[in-house]
Amino acid sequence: MAATAVSMSLFAFTSAAHAGDEGGVANPATACPNGYTVKAADIHDFRGFRIGRVDLRWAYSCGGNWARTTSYVGSVSQVESRVAMGDWLSGPGSAFSYDYNTAQNWTYYISIRPDAPACAKGRLFYQGYWHEATVCSAK
């Protein structure tokens, strides 16, 4: 897991503004130094090619989780990320964000205990279709 945390820290936050942010506490780019990826899942297109990745991220500095979605095919027309406590990906205790014409997106962080389960979902609109993946921490 340490190698994953180190390799994922190479992806820098590209912007502090998103087209849409809902829920969550604050922007992890400024409020959560030393964040790392807890779990990740690849996003595949309909042919099975890996086109992106969703990360469930955590930082002790802010006591929170957030989702980050990255396109491996460059900018796509829309990128969405969602994070939630447990496996319920909407409502209280969740955050959602979307951007247009970008290669990376992340949600605001949600406050959650380190031992509490959390899930992240990433979606990419690529070549006329939505492609997505969900990843959850151990319960």
C-alpha atoms as a PDB file:
ATOM      1  CA  MET A   1       0.000   0.000   0.000  1.00  0.00           C
ATOM      2  CA  ALA A   2       2.934   2.362   0.645  1.00  0.00           C
ATOM      3  CA  ALA A   3       4.019   2.057  -2.983  1.00  0.00           C
ATOM      4  CA  THR A   4       0.484   2.924  -4.097  1.00  0.00           C
ATOM      5  CA  ALA A   5       0.411   5.954  -1.812  1.00  0.00           C
ATOM      6  CA  VAL A   6       3.750   7.159  -3.160  1.00  0.00           C
ATOM      7  CA  SER A   7       2.840   6.581  -6.798  1.00  0.00           C
ATOM      8  CA  MET A   8      -0.554   8.239  -6.452  1.00  0.00           C
ATOM      9  CA  SER A   9       0.941  11.291  -4.764  1.00  0.00           C
ATOM     10  CA  LEU A  10       2.499  12.064  -8.148  1.00  0.00           C
ATOM     11  CA  PHE A  11      -0.950  13.050  -9.464  1.00  0.00           C
ATOM     12  CA  ALA A  12      -1.240  16.702  -8.510  1.00  0.00           C
ATOM     13  CA  PHE A  13      -4.471  18.565  -8.051  1.00  0.00           C
ATOM     14  CA  THR A  14      -5.002  20.512 -11.237  1.00  0.00           C
ATOM     15  CA  SER A  15      -7.583  23.064 -10.113  1.00  0.00           C
ATOM     16  CA  ALA A  16      -9.416  24.266  -7.032  1.00  0.00           C
ATOM     17  CA  ALA A  17     -12.645  25.049  -8.883  1.00  0.00           C
ATOM     18  CA  HIS A  18     -15.149  22.530 -10.178  1.00  0.00           C
ATOM     19  CA  ALA A  19     -18.197  22.956 -12.346  1.00  0.00           C
ATOM     20  CA  GLY A  20     -20.273  21.498  -9.535  1.00  0.00           C
ATOM     21  CA  ASP A  21     -19.623  20.536  -5.918  1.00  0.00           C
ATOM     22  CA  GLU A  22     -22.273  19.158  -3.566  1.00  0.00           C
ATOM     23  CA  GLY A  23     -21.880  18.071   0.051  1.00  0.00           C
ATOM     24  CA  GLY A  24     -18.661  17.465   1.882  1.00  0.00           C
ATOM     25  CA  VAL A  25     -16.710  19.744   4.193  1.00  0.00           C
ATOM     26  CA  ALA A  26     -13.948  21.468   2.214  1.00  0.00           C
ATOM     27  CA  ASN A  27     -11.524  21.133  -0.683  1.00  0.00           C
ATOM     28  CA  PRO A  28      -8.892  18.481   0.135  1.00  0.00           C
ATOM     29  CA  ALA A  29      -6.369  20.269  -2.110  1.00  0.00           C
ATOM     30  CA  THR A  30      -6.044  22.965   0.549  1.00  0.00           C
ATOM     31  CA  ALA A  31      -7.397  21.332   3.716  1.00  0.00           C
ATOM     32  CA  CYS A  32      -5.896  17.823   3.632  1.00  0.00           C
ATOM     33  CA  PRO A  33      -2.112  17.708   3.237  1.00  0.00           C
ATOM     34  CA  ASN A  34      -0.432  14.304   3.022  1.00  0.00           C
ATOM     35  CA  GLY A  35      -3.484  12.522   1.659  1.00  0.00           C
ATOM     36  CA  TYR A  36      -3.053   9.044   0.245  1.00  0.00           C
ATOM     37  CA  THR A  37      -5.021   6.481  -1.730  1.00  0.00           C
ATOM     38  CA  VAL A  38      -6.707   3.855   0.447  1.00  0.00           C
ATOM     39  CA  LYS A  39      -8.123   1.831  -2.466  1.00  0.00           C
ATOM     40  CA  ALA A  40      -8.452   2.316  -6.210  1.00  0.00           C
ATOM     41  CA  ALA A  41     -10.291   0.762  -9.131  1.00  0.00           C
ATOM     42  CA  ASP A  42      -9.679   1.025 -12.861  1.00  0.00           C
ATOM     43  CA  ILE A  43     -12.371   2.381 -15.175  1.00  0.00           C
ATOM     44  CA  HIS A  44     -12.698   0.411 -18.418  1.00  0.00           C
ATOM     45  CA  ASP A  45     -14.435   1.257 -21.679  1.00  0.00           C
ATOM     46  CA  PHE A  46     -16.904  -1.137 -23.342  1.00  0.00           C
ATOM     47  CA  ARG A  47     -13.997  -2.923 -25.084  1.00  0.00           C
ATOM     48  CA  GLY A  48     -12.227  -3.581 -21.789  1.00  0.00           C
ATOM     49  CA  PHE A  49      -9.480  -0.983 -22.239  1.00  0.00           C
ATOM     50  CA  ARG A  50      -8.386   0.831 -19.088  1.00  0.00           C
ATOM     51  CA  ILE A  51      -9.338   4.484 -19.621  1.00  0.00           C
ATOM     52  CA  GLY A  52      -9.140   5.859 -16.080  1.00  0.00           C
ATOM     53  CA  ARG A  53      -9.150   5.282 -12.362  1.00  0.00           C
ATOM     54  CA  VAL A  54     -11.134   6.188  -9.260  1.00  0.00           C
ATOM     55  CA  ASP A  55      -9.318   6.597  -5.931  1.00  0.00           C
ATOM     56  CA  LEU A  56     -10.758   6.539  -2.426  1.00  0.00           C
ATOM     57  CA  ARG A  57      -8.424   8.927  -0.594  1.00  0.00           C
ATOM     58  CA  TRP A  58      -7.828   9.648   3.118  1.00  0.00           C
ATOM     59  CA  ALA A  59      -5.805  12.147   5.158  1.00  0.00           C
ATOM     60  CA  TYR A  60      -5.291  12.160   8.918  1.00  0.00           C
ATOM     61  CA  SER A  61      -4.667  15.916   8.676  1.00  0.00           C
ATOM     62  CA  CYS A  62      -8.359  16.583   7.971  1.00  0.00           C
ATOM     63  CA  GLY A  63      -9.866  13.307   9.206  1.00  0.00           C
ATOM     64  CA  GLY A  64     -11.667  12.730   5.962  1.00  0.00           C
ATOM     65  CA  ASN A  65     -12.151  10.734   2.778  1.00  0.00           C
ATOM     66  CA  TRP A  66     -12.678  12.015  -0.744  1.00  0.00           C
ATOM     67  CA  ALA A  67     -12.947  10.567  -4.238  1.00  0.00           C
ATOM     68  CA  ARG A  68     -10.626  11.407  -7.118  1.00  0.00           C
ATOM     69  CA  THR A  69     -11.288  10.348 -10.712  1.00  0.00           C
ATOM     70  CA  THR A  70      -8.527  10.486 -13.330  1.00  0.00           C
ATOM     71  CA  SER A  71      -8.823   9.964 -17.091  1.00  0.00           C
ATOM     72  CA  TYR A  72      -5.960   8.102 -18.768  1.00  0.00           C
ATOM     73  CA  VAL A  73      -7.156   9.193 -22.232  1.00  0.00           C
ATOM     74  CA  GLY A  74      -6.716  12.942 -21.716  1.00  0.00           C
ATOM     75  CA  SER A  75      -9.501  15.439 -21.286  1.00  0.00           C
ATOM     76  CA  VAL A  76     -12.990  14.007 -21.615  1.00  0.00           C
ATOM     77  CA  SER A  77     -16.250  15.896 -21.918  1.00  0.00           C
ATOM     78  CA  GLN A  78     -17.347  15.121 -18.342  1.00  0.00           C
ATOM     79  CA  VAL A  79     -15.723  13.616 -15.235  1.00  0.00           C
ATOM     80  CA  GLU A  80     -17.693  12.852 -12.066  1.00  0.00           C
ATOM     81  CA  SER A  81     -16.620  11.763  -8.585  1.00  0.00           C
ATOM     82  CA  ARG A  82     -18.667  10.740  -5.549  1.00  0.00           C
ATOM     83  CA  VAL A  83     -17.669   9.691  -2.014  1.00  0.00           C
ATOM     84  CA  ALA A  84     -19.865   8.461   0.839  1.00  0.00           C
ATOM     85  CA  MET A  85     -19.789   6.801   4.226  1.00  0.00           C
ATOM     86  CA  GLY A  86     -20.550   3.101   3.852  1.00  0.00           C
ATOM     87  CA  ASP A  87     -21.837   2.055   0.463  1.00  0.00           C
ATOM     88  CA  TRP A  88     -24.641   4.603   0.215  1.00  0.00           C
ATOM     89  CA  LEU A  89     -23.431   6.995  -2.477  1.00  0.00           C
ATOM     90  CA  SER A  90     -25.914   9.833  -1.986  1.00  0.00           C
ATOM     91  CA  GLY A  91     -27.569  11.869   0.735  1.00  0.00           C
ATOM     92  CA  PRO A  92     -26.081  12.977   4.072  1.00  0.00           C
ATOM     93  CA  GLY A  93     -22.460  12.016   4.586  1.00  0.00           C
ATOM     94  CA  SER A  94     -21.611  12.182   0.895  1.00  0.00           C
ATOM     95  CA  ALA A  95     -19.981  14.565  -1.579  1.00  0.00           C
ATOM     96  CA  PHE A  96     -20.315  14.820  -5.360  1.00  0.00           C
ATOM     97  CA  SER A  97     -18.392  16.805  -7.959  1.00  0.00           C
ATOM     98  CA  TYR A  98     -18.335  17.094 -11.742  1.00  0.00           C
ATOM     99  CA  ASP A  99     -16.216  18.907 -14.308  1.00  0.00           C
ATOM    100  CA  TYR A 100     -16.300  19.398 -18.058  1.00  0.00           C
ATOM    101  CA  ASN A 101     -13.408  19.003 -20.534  1.00  0.00           C
ATOM    102  CA  THR A 102     -10.823  17.877 -18.008  1.00  0.00           C
ATOM    103  CA  ALA A 103      -8.739  14.824 -17.146  1.00  0.00           C
ATOM    104  CA  GLN A 104      -9.153  14.841 -13.339  1.00  0.00           C
ATOM    105  CA  ASN A 105     -11.807  15.628 -10.751  1.00  0.00           C
ATOM    106  CA  TRP A 106     -12.220  15.191  -6.991  1.00  0.00           C
ATOM    107  CA  THR A 107     -14.869  15.752  -4.359  1.00  0.00           C
ATOM    108  CA  TYR A 108     -14.749  17.794  -1.198  1.00  0.00           C
ATOM    109  CA  TYR A 109     -13.792  15.576   1.728  1.00  0.00           C
ATOM    110  CA  ILE A 110     -16.271  14.068   4.180  1.00  0.00           C
ATOM    111  CA  SER A 111     -15.486  13.740   7.887  1.00  0.00           C
ATOM    112  CA  ILE A 112     -15.342  10.093   8.839  1.00  0.00           C
ATOM    113  CA  ARG A 113     -13.593   7.886  11.407  1.00  0.00           C
ATOM    114  CA  PRO A 114     -10.494   6.059  10.071  1.00  0.00           C
ATOM    115  CA  ASP A 115     -12.127   2.680  10.809  1.00  0.00           C
ATOM    116  CA  ALA A 116     -15.490   3.540   9.203  1.00  0.00           C
ATOM    117  CA  PRO A 117     -16.268   2.107   5.747  1.00  0.00           C
ATOM    118  CA  ALA A 118     -16.340   4.494   2.802  1.00  0.00           C
ATOM    119  CA  CYS A 119     -16.904   4.199  -0.950  1.00  0.00           C
ATOM    120  CA  ALA A 120     -15.837   6.212  -3.984  1.00  0.00           C
ATOM    121  CA  LYS A 121     -17.372   6.174  -7.458  1.00  0.00           C
ATOM    122  CA  GLY A 122     -15.833   7.651 -10.606  1.00  0.00           C
ATOM    123  CA  ARG A 123     -17.466   8.193 -13.999  1.00  0.00           C
ATOM    124  CA  LEU A 124     -16.012   9.275 -17.332  1.00  0.00           C
ATOM    125  CA  PHE A 125     -18.045  10.283 -20.390  1.00  0.00           C
ATOM    126  CA  TYR A 126     -15.878   8.939 -23.207  1.00  0.00           C
ATOM    127  CA  GLN A 127     -16.699   8.290 -26.870  1.00  0.00           C
ATOM    128  CA  GLY A 128     -20.408   8.890 -26.284  1.00  0.00           C
ATOM    129  CA  TYR A 129     -20.849   6.580 -23.279  1.00  0.00           C
ATOM    130  CA  TRP A 130     -20.534   6.670 -19.491  1.00  0.00           C
ATOM    131  CA  HIS A 131     -17.903   4.350 -18.008  1.00  0.00           C
ATOM    132  CA  GLU A 132     -17.600   3.964 -14.237  1.00  0.00           C
ATOM    133  CA  ALA A 133     -16.074   2.087 -11.319  1.00  0.00           C
ATOM    134  CA  THR A 134     -16.747   1.944  -7.581  1.00  0.00           C
ATOM    135  CA  VAL A 135     -14.305   1.079  -4.820  1.00  0.00           C
ATOM    136  CA  CYS A 136     -14.985   0.618  -1.090  1.00  0.00           C
ATOM    137  CA  SER A 137     -12.767   0.338   1.970  1.00  0.00           C
ATOM    138  CA  ALA A 138     -12.931  -2.750   4.157  1.00  0.00           C
ATOM    139  CA  LYS A 139     -15.803  -2.905   6.604  1.00  0.00           C
END
